[in-house]
Amino acid sequence: MPKGDPALGILADVQFSEKSISLQMGDLFIIYSDGVTEARNEAGHFFGEDNLKRLLPKLSGQTAAAAGTQILETVDNFVGTARANDDLSLIIIRKAE
């Protein structure tokens, strides 16, 4: 899905658009904050969308909780001992079979 409206609670009197998607049995729907892709390691490199995209096939068949744990562990391993500079938020929904 393309980027949408402003984050909730940031602006007063903003109108939001409604969007919908159809999930198939077993699909994972992952919503993440920019803190996931903008997490930096000791060298200052971003985790980035490419690393997240490479991780997604490995999440197939996992529960939402297990997928979230794997994403967070992968980002944490990438960041190493670098100081966090943003929040890291995930919402993961899995359509049950």
Protein backbone atom coordinates (compact mmCIF):
# COMPACT_ATOMS: atom_id res chain seq x y z
CA MET A 1 0.00 0.00 0.00
CA PRO A 2 1.26 3.50 -0.68
CA LYS A 3 2.05 5.88 2.14
CA GLY A 4 -1.09 7.48 3.42
CA ASP A 5 -2.27 10.27 5.63
CA PRO A 6 -0.40 11.97 8.49
CA ALA A 7 0.24 9.98 11.66
CA LEU A 8 -2.59 9.90 14.17
CA GLY A 9 -2.43 12.63 16.80
CA ILE A 10 0.11 14.81 14.98
CA LEU A 11 -2.21 17.38 13.43
CA ALA A 12 -5.54 18.75 14.62
CA ASP A 13 -8.55 18.78 12.31
CA VAL A 14 -7.09 16.48 9.67
CA GLN A 15 -9.24 14.28 7.46
CA PHE A 16 -8.17 10.71 6.82
CA SER A 17 -8.89 8.60 3.78
CA GLU A 18 -10.19 5.07 4.02
CA LYS A 19 -8.28 2.24 2.38
CA SER A 20 -8.91 -1.49 2.26
CA ILE A 21 -7.11 -4.64 1.20
CA SER A 22 -8.13 -8.26 0.92
CA LEU A 23 -6.09 -10.84 2.79
CA GLN A 24 -5.93 -14.49 1.83
CA MET A 25 -5.72 -17.25 4.44
CA GLY A 26 -2.28 -17.23 6.05
CA ASP A 27 -1.33 -13.75 4.78
CA LEU A 28 0.57 -11.41 7.07
CA PHE A 29 -0.25 -7.69 7.02
CA ILE A 30 2.68 -5.73 8.47
CA ILE A 31 2.52 -2.07 9.42
CA TYR A 32 5.75 -0.53 10.68
CA SER A 33 7.07 2.84 11.75
CA ASP A 34 10.02 4.46 10.02
CA GLY A 35 12.06 3.49 13.07
CA VAL A 36 12.31 -0.02 11.60
CA THR A 37 13.81 0.97 8.24
CA GLU A 38 15.72 3.94 9.66
CA ALA A 39 17.40 1.96 12.47
CA ARG A 40 21.15 2.61 12.19
CA ASN A 41 24.11 0.41 13.00
CA GLU A 42 27.46 1.49 14.46
CA ALA A 43 28.67 2.54 10.99
CA GLY A 44 25.63 4.80 10.56
CA HIS A 45 24.01 2.64 7.87
CA PHE A 46 20.22 2.32 7.81
CA PHE A 47 18.52 -1.08 8.10
CA GLY A 48 16.49 0.05 5.08
CA GLU A 49 13.57 -1.26 3.07
CA ASP A 50 15.76 -3.70 1.13
CA ASN A 51 16.76 -5.58 4.30
CA LEU A 52 13.13 -5.66 5.41
CA LYS A 53 12.01 -6.96 1.99
CA ARG A 54 14.65 -9.70 2.10
CA LEU A 55 13.35 -10.76 5.52
CA LEU A 56 9.68 -11.01 4.49
CA PRO A 57 9.83 -14.42 2.71
CA LYS A 58 11.33 -15.92 5.89
CA LEU A 59 8.17 -14.93 7.79
CA SER A 60 5.90 -17.12 5.67
CA GLY A 61 3.85 -19.52 7.77
CA GLN A 62 4.76 -17.86 11.06
CA THR A 63 2.29 -16.51 13.57
CA ALA A 64 2.00 -12.74 13.83
CA ALA A 65 3.85 -12.84 17.18
CA ALA A 66 6.70 -14.97 15.78
CA ALA A 67 7.01 -12.73 12.71
CA GLY A 68 7.19 -9.64 14.93
CA THR A 69 9.83 -11.25 17.12
CA GLN A 70 11.92 -12.17 14.08
CA ILE A 71 11.70 -8.65 12.64
CA LEU A 72 12.70 -7.05 15.95
CA GLU A 73 15.56 -9.52 16.50
CA THR A 74 16.86 -8.96 12.97
CA VAL A 75 16.80 -5.18 13.38
CA ASP A 76 18.39 -5.47 16.83
CA ASN A 77 21.20 -7.65 15.44
CA PHE A 78 21.76 -5.15 12.63
CA VAL A 79 21.90 -2.19 15.03
CA GLY A 80 24.29 -3.93 17.41
CA THR A 81 25.54 -1.56 20.09
CA ALA A 82 24.50 1.64 18.29
CA ARG A 83 22.25 3.98 20.23
CA ALA A 84 18.56 3.94 19.26
CA ASN A 85 17.45 7.20 17.67
CA ASP A 86 13.76 6.51 16.98
CA ASP A 87 10.86 4.37 18.15
CA LEU A 88 10.38 0.98 16.56
CA SER A 89 6.69 0.11 16.13
CA LEU A 90 5.04 -2.87 14.47
CA ILE A 91 1.47 -4.01 13.94
CA ILE A 92 1.18 -7.47 12.44
CA ILE A 93 -2.06 -9.18 11.50
CA ARG A 94 -2.22 -12.75 10.22
CA LYS A 95 -5.39 -14.01 8.60
CA ALA A 96 -6.03 -17.32 10.31
CA GLU A 97 -6.62 -20.43 8.27
